[in-house]
N, C-alpha and C. Protein backbone atom coordinates (compact mmCIF):
# COMPACT_ATOMS: atom_id res chain seq x y z
N UNK A 1 7.96 -13.78 -28.57
CA UNK A 1 6.69 -13.46 -27.93
C UNK A 1 6.90 -13.39 -26.40
N UNK A 2 6.31 -12.38 -25.79
CA UNK A 2 6.41 -12.21 -24.34
C UNK A 2 5.41 -13.15 -23.67
N UNK A 3 5.90 -13.94 -22.74
CA UNK A 3 5.06 -14.91 -22.04
C UNK A 3 4.49 -14.31 -20.75
N UNK A 4 3.52 -14.99 -20.19
CA UNK A 4 2.97 -14.59 -18.89
C UNK A 4 4.09 -14.58 -17.85
N UNK A 5 4.94 -15.58 -17.89
CA UNK A 5 6.07 -15.63 -16.96
C UNK A 5 6.92 -14.37 -17.09
N UNK A 6 7.26 -13.96 -18.31
CA UNK A 6 8.06 -12.76 -18.53
C UNK A 6 7.38 -11.53 -17.93
N UNK A 7 6.07 -11.42 -18.12
CA UNK A 7 5.32 -10.28 -17.57
C UNK A 7 5.33 -10.30 -16.05
N UNK A 8 5.21 -11.49 -15.48
CA UNK A 8 5.18 -11.60 -14.03
C UNK A 8 6.54 -11.29 -13.41
N UNK A 9 7.61 -11.77 -14.00
CA UNK A 9 8.96 -11.51 -13.49
C UNK A 9 9.23 -10.01 -13.45
N UNK A 10 8.67 -9.27 -14.42
CA UNK A 10 8.89 -7.83 -14.50
C UNK A 10 7.99 -7.02 -13.57
N UNK A 11 7.01 -7.67 -12.94
CA UNK A 11 6.05 -6.93 -12.11
C UNK A 11 6.64 -6.64 -10.73
N UNK A 12 6.55 -5.38 -10.26
CA UNK A 12 7.13 -5.00 -8.96
C UNK A 12 6.62 -5.82 -7.77
N UNK A 13 5.38 -6.26 -7.79
CA UNK A 13 4.84 -7.02 -6.66
C UNK A 13 5.62 -8.31 -6.43
N UNK A 14 6.15 -8.88 -7.50
CA UNK A 14 6.88 -10.14 -7.39
C UNK A 14 8.39 -9.95 -7.38
N UNK A 15 8.85 -8.71 -7.28
CA UNK A 15 10.29 -8.42 -7.30
C UNK A 15 11.02 -9.22 -6.23
N UNK A 16 12.11 -9.87 -6.63
CA UNK A 16 12.91 -10.62 -5.69
C UNK A 16 12.44 -12.04 -5.42
N UNK A 17 11.27 -12.41 -5.96
CA UNK A 17 10.78 -13.77 -5.78
C UNK A 17 11.62 -14.71 -6.66
N UNK A 18 12.01 -15.85 -6.13
CA UNK A 18 12.79 -16.80 -6.92
C UNK A 18 12.07 -17.18 -8.23
N UNK A 19 12.85 -17.30 -9.29
CA UNK A 19 12.30 -17.58 -10.63
C UNK A 19 11.43 -18.84 -10.66
N UNK A 20 11.83 -19.87 -9.93
CA UNK A 20 11.04 -21.11 -9.96
C UNK A 20 9.68 -20.91 -9.30
N UNK A 21 9.59 -20.04 -8.31
CA UNK A 21 8.28 -19.76 -7.70
C UNK A 21 7.40 -18.96 -8.64
N UNK A 22 7.98 -17.97 -9.33
CA UNK A 22 7.21 -17.19 -10.31
C UNK A 22 6.72 -18.11 -11.42
N UNK A 23 7.57 -19.04 -11.84
CA UNK A 23 7.18 -19.97 -12.91
C UNK A 23 5.99 -20.82 -12.46
N UNK A 24 6.02 -21.30 -11.23
CA UNK A 24 4.90 -22.09 -10.73
C UNK A 24 3.63 -21.25 -10.63
N UNK A 25 3.76 -20.00 -10.17
CA UNK A 25 2.60 -19.11 -10.12
C UNK A 25 2.04 -18.84 -11.52
N UNK A 26 2.93 -18.72 -12.49
CA UNK A 26 2.51 -18.37 -13.86
C UNK A 26 1.59 -19.41 -14.47
N UNK A 27 1.64 -20.63 -13.96
CA UNK A 27 0.74 -21.69 -14.45
C UNK A 27 -0.73 -21.38 -14.14
N UNK A 28 -0.96 -20.50 -13.16
CA UNK A 28 -2.32 -20.14 -12.74
C UNK A 28 -2.70 -18.75 -13.26
N UNK A 29 -1.93 -18.21 -14.18
CA UNK A 29 -2.11 -16.82 -14.64
C UNK A 29 -2.55 -16.75 -16.10
N UNK A 30 -3.19 -15.62 -16.42
CA UNK A 30 -3.54 -15.30 -17.81
C UNK A 30 -3.68 -13.80 -17.94
N UNK A 31 -3.65 -13.32 -19.16
CA UNK A 31 -3.82 -11.89 -19.41
C UNK A 31 -5.28 -11.50 -19.15
N UNK A 32 -5.49 -10.26 -18.67
CA UNK A 32 -6.85 -9.80 -18.35
C UNK A 32 -6.99 -8.32 -18.69
N UNK A 33 -7.55 -8.01 -19.86
CA UNK A 33 -7.81 -6.60 -20.19
C UNK A 33 -9.19 -6.19 -19.68
N UNK A 34 -9.32 -4.91 -19.32
CA UNK A 34 -10.61 -4.35 -18.89
C UNK A 34 -10.85 -3.04 -19.63
N UNK A 35 -12.08 -2.81 -20.02
CA UNK A 35 -12.48 -1.55 -20.66
C UNK A 35 -12.77 -0.51 -19.58
N UNK A 36 -12.67 0.75 -19.96
CA UNK A 36 -13.00 1.85 -19.05
C UNK A 36 -14.42 1.66 -18.53
N UNK A 37 -14.58 1.84 -17.22
CA UNK A 37 -15.88 1.73 -16.60
C UNK A 37 -16.29 0.32 -16.22
N UNK A 38 -15.52 -0.67 -16.61
CA UNK A 38 -15.87 -2.06 -16.31
C UNK A 38 -15.66 -2.35 -14.82
N UNK A 39 -16.68 -2.97 -14.22
CA UNK A 39 -16.59 -3.37 -12.81
C UNK A 39 -15.83 -4.69 -12.77
N UNK A 40 -14.73 -4.69 -12.03
CA UNK A 40 -13.87 -5.87 -11.94
C UNK A 40 -14.39 -6.82 -10.87
N UNK A 41 -14.78 -6.27 -9.74
CA UNK A 41 -15.45 -7.08 -8.72
C UNK A 41 -16.29 -6.17 -7.83
N UNK A 42 -17.21 -6.81 -7.11
CA UNK A 42 -18.21 -6.11 -6.30
C UNK A 42 -17.99 -6.41 -4.82
N UNK A 43 -18.05 -5.37 -4.00
CA UNK A 43 -17.93 -5.52 -2.55
C UNK A 43 -18.85 -6.64 -2.05
N UNK A 44 -18.32 -7.51 -1.23
CA UNK A 44 -19.00 -8.65 -0.63
C UNK A 44 -19.22 -9.81 -1.60
N UNK A 45 -18.79 -9.66 -2.86
CA UNK A 45 -18.87 -10.76 -3.81
C UNK A 45 -17.82 -11.82 -3.50
N UNK A 46 -17.95 -12.95 -4.15
CA UNK A 46 -17.02 -14.06 -3.93
C UNK A 46 -15.65 -13.74 -4.53
N UNK A 47 -14.60 -13.80 -3.73
CA UNK A 47 -13.24 -13.48 -4.17
C UNK A 47 -12.55 -14.75 -4.65
N UNK A 48 -12.25 -14.80 -5.94
CA UNK A 48 -11.68 -16.02 -6.52
C UNK A 48 -10.35 -15.80 -7.23
N UNK A 49 -9.86 -14.55 -7.30
CA UNK A 49 -8.64 -14.28 -8.05
C UNK A 49 -8.02 -12.97 -7.60
N UNK A 50 -6.85 -12.69 -8.16
CA UNK A 50 -6.23 -11.39 -7.96
C UNK A 50 -5.54 -10.99 -9.26
N UNK A 51 -5.15 -9.71 -9.33
CA UNK A 51 -4.60 -9.16 -10.56
C UNK A 51 -3.31 -8.40 -10.28
N UNK A 52 -2.37 -8.54 -11.17
CA UNK A 52 -1.17 -7.72 -11.19
C UNK A 52 -1.43 -6.66 -12.26
N UNK A 53 -1.51 -5.40 -11.87
CA UNK A 53 -1.84 -4.32 -12.81
C UNK A 53 -0.58 -3.95 -13.59
N UNK A 54 -0.67 -4.03 -14.91
CA UNK A 54 0.44 -3.65 -15.79
C UNK A 54 0.29 -2.23 -16.29
N UNK A 55 -0.90 -1.90 -16.80
CA UNK A 55 -1.19 -0.57 -17.34
C UNK A 55 -2.59 -0.17 -16.94
N UNK A 56 -2.78 1.13 -16.72
CA UNK A 56 -4.10 1.64 -16.40
C UNK A 56 -4.29 1.86 -14.91
N UNK A 57 -5.50 2.31 -14.57
CA UNK A 57 -5.83 2.67 -13.19
C UNK A 57 -7.16 2.04 -12.80
N UNK A 58 -7.21 1.57 -11.55
CA UNK A 58 -8.42 0.96 -11.00
C UNK A 58 -8.83 1.76 -9.76
N UNK A 59 -10.12 2.09 -9.67
CA UNK A 59 -10.66 2.78 -8.49
C UNK A 59 -11.21 1.73 -7.53
N UNK A 60 -10.80 1.83 -6.27
CA UNK A 60 -11.36 1.00 -5.20
C UNK A 60 -12.45 1.80 -4.52
N UNK A 61 -13.60 1.17 -4.34
CA UNK A 61 -14.76 1.84 -3.76
C UNK A 61 -15.32 1.03 -2.62
N UNK A 62 -16.02 1.73 -1.71
CA UNK A 62 -16.74 1.05 -0.65
C UNK A 62 -18.08 1.76 -0.46
N UNK A 63 -19.03 1.02 0.06
CA UNK A 63 -20.35 1.59 0.31
C UNK A 63 -20.35 2.27 1.67
N UNK A 64 -20.77 3.52 1.70
CA UNK A 64 -20.85 4.29 2.92
C UNK A 64 -22.32 4.66 3.13
N UNK A 65 -22.91 4.26 4.27
CA UNK A 65 -24.33 4.59 4.51
C UNK A 65 -24.59 6.08 4.34
N UNK A 66 -25.63 6.39 3.59
CA UNK A 66 -26.02 7.77 3.35
C UNK A 66 -25.23 8.46 2.25
N UNK A 67 -24.19 7.83 1.74
CA UNK A 67 -23.36 8.43 0.70
C UNK A 67 -23.21 7.55 -0.53
N UNK A 68 -23.63 6.31 -0.45
CA UNK A 68 -23.48 5.40 -1.58
C UNK A 68 -22.04 4.93 -1.72
N UNK A 69 -21.64 4.65 -2.96
CA UNK A 69 -20.27 4.19 -3.18
C UNK A 69 -19.31 5.36 -3.18
N UNK A 70 -18.23 5.20 -2.42
CA UNK A 70 -17.23 6.25 -2.27
C UNK A 70 -15.88 5.67 -2.69
N UNK A 71 -15.17 6.42 -3.50
CA UNK A 71 -13.84 5.99 -3.90
C UNK A 71 -12.88 6.19 -2.74
N UNK A 72 -12.17 5.12 -2.38
CA UNK A 72 -11.23 5.20 -1.26
C UNK A 72 -9.78 5.21 -1.73
N UNK A 73 -9.53 4.73 -2.94
CA UNK A 73 -8.16 4.71 -3.44
C UNK A 73 -8.17 4.43 -4.94
N UNK A 74 -7.05 4.78 -5.56
CA UNK A 74 -6.79 4.41 -6.95
C UNK A 74 -5.47 3.69 -6.99
N UNK A 75 -5.44 2.61 -7.74
CA UNK A 75 -4.18 1.89 -7.90
C UNK A 75 -3.84 1.82 -9.37
N UNK A 76 -2.55 1.81 -9.66
CA UNK A 76 -2.11 1.85 -11.04
C UNK A 76 -1.05 0.81 -11.35
N UNK A 77 -0.31 1.06 -12.43
CA UNK A 77 0.70 0.11 -12.89
C UNK A 77 1.67 -0.26 -11.77
N UNK A 78 1.99 -1.54 -11.69
CA UNK A 78 2.91 -2.03 -10.68
C UNK A 78 2.23 -2.46 -9.39
N UNK A 79 0.92 -2.22 -9.30
CA UNK A 79 0.17 -2.57 -8.09
C UNK A 79 -0.45 -3.95 -8.23
N UNK A 80 -0.91 -4.46 -7.09
CA UNK A 80 -1.66 -5.70 -7.08
C UNK A 80 -3.09 -5.36 -6.65
N UNK A 81 -4.05 -5.99 -7.28
CA UNK A 81 -5.47 -5.76 -6.98
C UNK A 81 -6.06 -7.05 -6.45
N UNK A 82 -6.61 -6.97 -5.24
CA UNK A 82 -7.32 -8.11 -4.66
C UNK A 82 -6.46 -8.90 -3.71
N UNK A 83 -6.92 -9.00 -2.47
CA UNK A 83 -6.26 -9.83 -1.48
C UNK A 83 -7.26 -10.73 -0.76
N UNK A 84 -8.52 -10.51 -0.97
CA UNK A 84 -9.56 -11.25 -0.24
C UNK A 84 -9.63 -12.73 -0.63
N UNK A 85 -9.11 -13.10 -1.78
CA UNK A 85 -9.07 -14.50 -2.22
C UNK A 85 -8.20 -15.36 -1.30
N UNK A 86 -7.32 -14.71 -0.54
CA UNK A 86 -6.34 -15.43 0.29
C UNK A 86 -6.87 -15.77 1.68
N UNK A 87 -7.87 -15.03 2.14
CA UNK A 87 -8.32 -15.16 3.52
C UNK A 87 -9.81 -15.50 3.58
N UNK A 88 -10.17 -16.62 4.26
CA UNK A 88 -11.60 -16.93 4.41
C UNK A 88 -12.32 -15.76 5.05
N UNK A 89 -13.54 -15.49 4.70
CA UNK A 89 -14.46 -16.31 3.90
C UNK A 89 -14.40 -16.03 2.40
N UNK A 90 -13.30 -15.46 1.89
CA UNK A 90 -13.11 -15.20 0.47
C UNK A 90 -14.20 -14.30 -0.11
N UNK A 91 -14.37 -13.15 0.53
CA UNK A 91 -15.33 -12.12 0.09
C UNK A 91 -14.58 -10.81 -0.11
N UNK A 92 -14.94 -10.09 -1.16
CA UNK A 92 -14.30 -8.79 -1.42
C UNK A 92 -14.68 -7.78 -0.36
N UNK A 93 -13.72 -6.99 0.07
CA UNK A 93 -13.95 -5.94 1.07
C UNK A 93 -14.22 -4.60 0.41
N UNK A 94 -13.93 -4.48 -0.87
CA UNK A 94 -14.17 -3.27 -1.65
C UNK A 94 -14.78 -3.69 -2.98
N UNK A 95 -15.14 -2.69 -3.78
CA UNK A 95 -15.47 -2.91 -5.19
C UNK A 95 -14.33 -2.31 -5.99
N UNK A 96 -14.18 -2.77 -7.24
CA UNK A 96 -13.12 -2.25 -8.10
C UNK A 96 -13.68 -1.97 -9.48
N UNK A 97 -13.31 -0.79 -10.03
CA UNK A 97 -13.78 -0.37 -11.35
C UNK A 97 -12.60 0.16 -12.14
N UNK A 98 -12.51 -0.24 -13.40
CA UNK A 98 -11.45 0.27 -14.27
C UNK A 98 -11.75 1.73 -14.59
N UNK A 99 -10.81 2.62 -14.29
CA UNK A 99 -11.00 4.06 -14.55
C UNK A 99 -10.86 4.33 -16.05
N UNK A 100 -9.93 3.67 -16.68
CA UNK A 100 -9.70 3.72 -18.12
C UNK A 100 -9.36 2.31 -18.55
N UNK A 101 -8.84 2.14 -19.74
CA UNK A 101 -8.42 0.80 -20.14
C UNK A 101 -7.34 0.27 -19.19
N UNK A 102 -7.46 -0.99 -18.81
CA UNK A 102 -6.52 -1.61 -17.87
C UNK A 102 -6.01 -2.92 -18.50
N UNK A 103 -4.71 -3.11 -18.41
CA UNK A 103 -4.11 -4.39 -18.79
C UNK A 103 -3.55 -5.01 -17.52
N UNK A 104 -3.95 -6.23 -17.26
CA UNK A 104 -3.54 -6.90 -16.02
C UNK A 104 -3.25 -8.36 -16.29
N UNK A 105 -2.67 -8.98 -15.31
CA UNK A 105 -2.49 -10.43 -15.29
C UNK A 105 -3.37 -10.92 -14.15
N UNK A 106 -4.24 -11.87 -14.41
CA UNK A 106 -5.08 -12.41 -13.35
C UNK A 106 -4.56 -13.78 -12.94
N UNK A 107 -4.63 -14.06 -11.66
CA UNK A 107 -4.21 -15.35 -11.12
C UNK A 107 -5.37 -15.99 -10.36
N UNK A 108 -5.55 -17.27 -10.56
CA UNK A 108 -6.61 -18.03 -9.92
C UNK A 108 -6.32 -18.23 -8.43
N UNK A 109 -7.22 -17.78 -7.59
CA UNK A 109 -7.01 -17.84 -6.15
C UNK A 109 -6.91 -19.25 -5.60
N UNK A 110 -7.81 -20.14 -6.00
CA UNK A 110 -7.77 -21.51 -5.47
C UNK A 110 -6.48 -22.21 -5.89
N UNK A 111 -6.05 -22.02 -7.13
CA UNK A 111 -4.81 -22.62 -7.58
C UNK A 111 -3.61 -22.11 -6.81
N UNK A 112 -3.56 -20.80 -6.59
CA UNK A 112 -2.44 -20.21 -5.86
C UNK A 112 -2.47 -20.62 -4.39
N UNK A 113 -3.67 -20.71 -3.80
CA UNK A 113 -3.76 -21.21 -2.42
C UNK A 113 -3.22 -22.64 -2.32
N UNK A 114 -3.50 -23.45 -3.34
CA UNK A 114 -2.96 -24.81 -3.36
C UNK A 114 -1.45 -24.82 -3.41
N UNK A 115 -0.86 -23.94 -4.23
CA UNK A 115 0.60 -23.82 -4.26
C UNK A 115 1.14 -23.42 -2.90
N UNK A 116 0.47 -22.47 -2.26
CA UNK A 116 0.91 -22.00 -0.94
C UNK A 116 0.82 -23.10 0.10
N UNK A 117 -0.22 -23.90 0.02
CA UNK A 117 -0.39 -25.02 0.96
C UNK A 117 0.73 -26.05 0.76
N UNK A 118 1.07 -26.33 -0.50
CA UNK A 118 2.07 -27.35 -0.81
C UNK A 118 3.51 -26.86 -0.64
N UNK A 119 3.70 -25.55 -0.68
CA UNK A 119 5.05 -24.97 -0.55
C UNK A 119 4.99 -23.85 0.48
N UNK A 120 5.23 -24.17 1.76
CA UNK A 120 5.13 -23.16 2.82
C UNK A 120 6.05 -21.96 2.62
N UNK A 121 7.18 -22.13 1.96
CA UNK A 121 8.08 -21.00 1.72
C UNK A 121 7.41 -20.01 0.76
N UNK A 122 6.82 -20.53 -0.31
CA UNK A 122 6.08 -19.67 -1.24
C UNK A 122 4.88 -19.06 -0.53
N UNK A 123 4.18 -19.86 0.27
CA UNK A 123 3.02 -19.36 1.00
C UNK A 123 3.37 -18.21 1.93
N UNK A 124 4.46 -18.35 2.65
CA UNK A 124 4.89 -17.29 3.56
C UNK A 124 5.26 -16.04 2.78
N UNK A 125 6.00 -16.21 1.69
CA UNK A 125 6.42 -15.08 0.86
C UNK A 125 5.21 -14.31 0.34
N UNK A 126 4.26 -15.02 -0.26
CA UNK A 126 3.08 -14.35 -0.80
C UNK A 126 2.23 -13.72 0.30
N UNK A 127 2.06 -14.42 1.41
CA UNK A 127 1.27 -13.86 2.52
C UNK A 127 1.90 -12.58 3.04
N UNK A 128 3.20 -12.56 3.17
CA UNK A 128 3.89 -11.36 3.62
C UNK A 128 3.69 -10.21 2.64
N UNK A 129 3.80 -10.51 1.35
CA UNK A 129 3.60 -9.47 0.33
C UNK A 129 2.16 -8.94 0.37
N UNK A 130 1.20 -9.85 0.51
CA UNK A 130 -0.20 -9.42 0.54
C UNK A 130 -0.55 -8.68 1.82
N UNK A 131 0.04 -9.06 2.94
CA UNK A 131 -0.24 -8.34 4.18
C UNK A 131 0.24 -6.89 4.08
N UNK A 132 1.34 -6.65 3.39
CA UNK A 132 1.79 -5.27 3.18
C UNK A 132 0.76 -4.50 2.36
N UNK A 133 0.14 -5.15 1.38
CA UNK A 133 -0.92 -4.52 0.58
C UNK A 133 -2.13 -4.22 1.46
N UNK A 134 -2.53 -5.18 2.29
CA UNK A 134 -3.69 -5.00 3.17
C UNK A 134 -3.47 -3.80 4.09
N UNK A 135 -2.32 -3.74 4.72
CA UNK A 135 -2.02 -2.63 5.63
C UNK A 135 -2.07 -1.30 4.88
N UNK A 136 -1.47 -1.25 3.71
CA UNK A 136 -1.46 -0.03 2.91
C UNK A 136 -2.88 0.39 2.53
N UNK A 137 -3.69 -0.55 2.07
CA UNK A 137 -5.07 -0.23 1.65
C UNK A 137 -5.93 0.19 2.82
N UNK A 138 -5.77 -0.46 3.95
CA UNK A 138 -6.57 -0.09 5.12
C UNK A 138 -6.18 1.30 5.62
N UNK A 139 -4.91 1.62 5.59
CA UNK A 139 -4.46 2.95 6.00
C UNK A 139 -5.00 4.01 5.03
N UNK A 140 -4.93 3.73 3.74
CA UNK A 140 -5.45 4.68 2.75
C UNK A 140 -6.96 4.88 2.93
N UNK A 141 -7.67 3.80 3.21
CA UNK A 141 -9.12 3.89 3.43
C UNK A 141 -9.42 4.72 4.68
N UNK A 142 -8.69 4.47 5.74
CA UNK A 142 -8.89 5.22 6.99
C UNK A 142 -8.68 6.72 6.75
N UNK A 143 -7.60 7.07 6.06
CA UNK A 143 -7.31 8.48 5.80
C UNK A 143 -8.39 9.11 4.92
N UNK A 144 -8.84 8.36 3.91
CA UNK A 144 -9.88 8.87 3.02
C UNK A 144 -11.18 9.11 3.79
N UNK A 145 -11.55 8.18 4.64
CA UNK A 145 -12.78 8.34 5.42
C UNK A 145 -12.66 9.46 6.44
N UNK A 146 -11.49 9.63 7.05
CA UNK A 146 -11.28 10.75 7.96
C UNK A 146 -11.45 12.08 7.22
N UNK A 147 -10.89 12.16 6.01
CA UNK A 147 -11.05 13.38 5.20
C UNK A 147 -12.52 13.65 4.92
N UNK A 148 -13.28 12.60 4.60
CA UNK A 148 -14.69 12.76 4.25
C UNK A 148 -15.52 13.27 5.43
N UNK A 149 -15.20 12.78 6.62
CA UNK A 149 -16.03 13.08 7.78
C UNK A 149 -15.45 14.16 8.69
N UNK A 150 -14.35 14.74 8.28
CA UNK A 150 -13.75 15.81 9.08
C UNK A 150 -14.71 17.01 9.11
N UNK A 151 -14.91 17.53 10.30
CA UNK A 151 -15.80 18.70 10.46
C UNK A 151 -15.16 19.92 9.81
N UNK A 152 -15.96 20.74 9.12
CA UNK A 152 -15.40 21.96 8.53
C UNK A 152 -14.85 22.88 9.62
N UNK A 153 -13.73 23.52 9.30
CA UNK A 153 -13.08 24.41 10.26
C UNK A 153 -13.63 25.80 10.14
């Protein structure tokens, strides 16, 4: 039987992380399937976890005045979903919706923050990995919004 640990070791987001750190993280993890159209989290809601996407696609959305919810990015297998659980005030900056069926691993944010507090090496490693995600998502959002508001030529 494939364990959560096995699934996590194979996930690109955790590539190169020492096995003992992945094992400790796996204690806070469980499988998380989502049906097509299911809202995973809501912008400005309380951020309590994150997901390692194994299969499927998730749409990230944000509210734009006068336009409602706008899709800013899609993430798929091998991606990580959710970084707001790591940084106070622990509120989602986007909304997330499963585009089709999604299989993911979810990790408890408070538990992982505790691991990071107790093990600064793990904390630094995860923070560095998540900051790369934040930069990538913010750049994608900026480009998407520029495309939306670009004046017709």
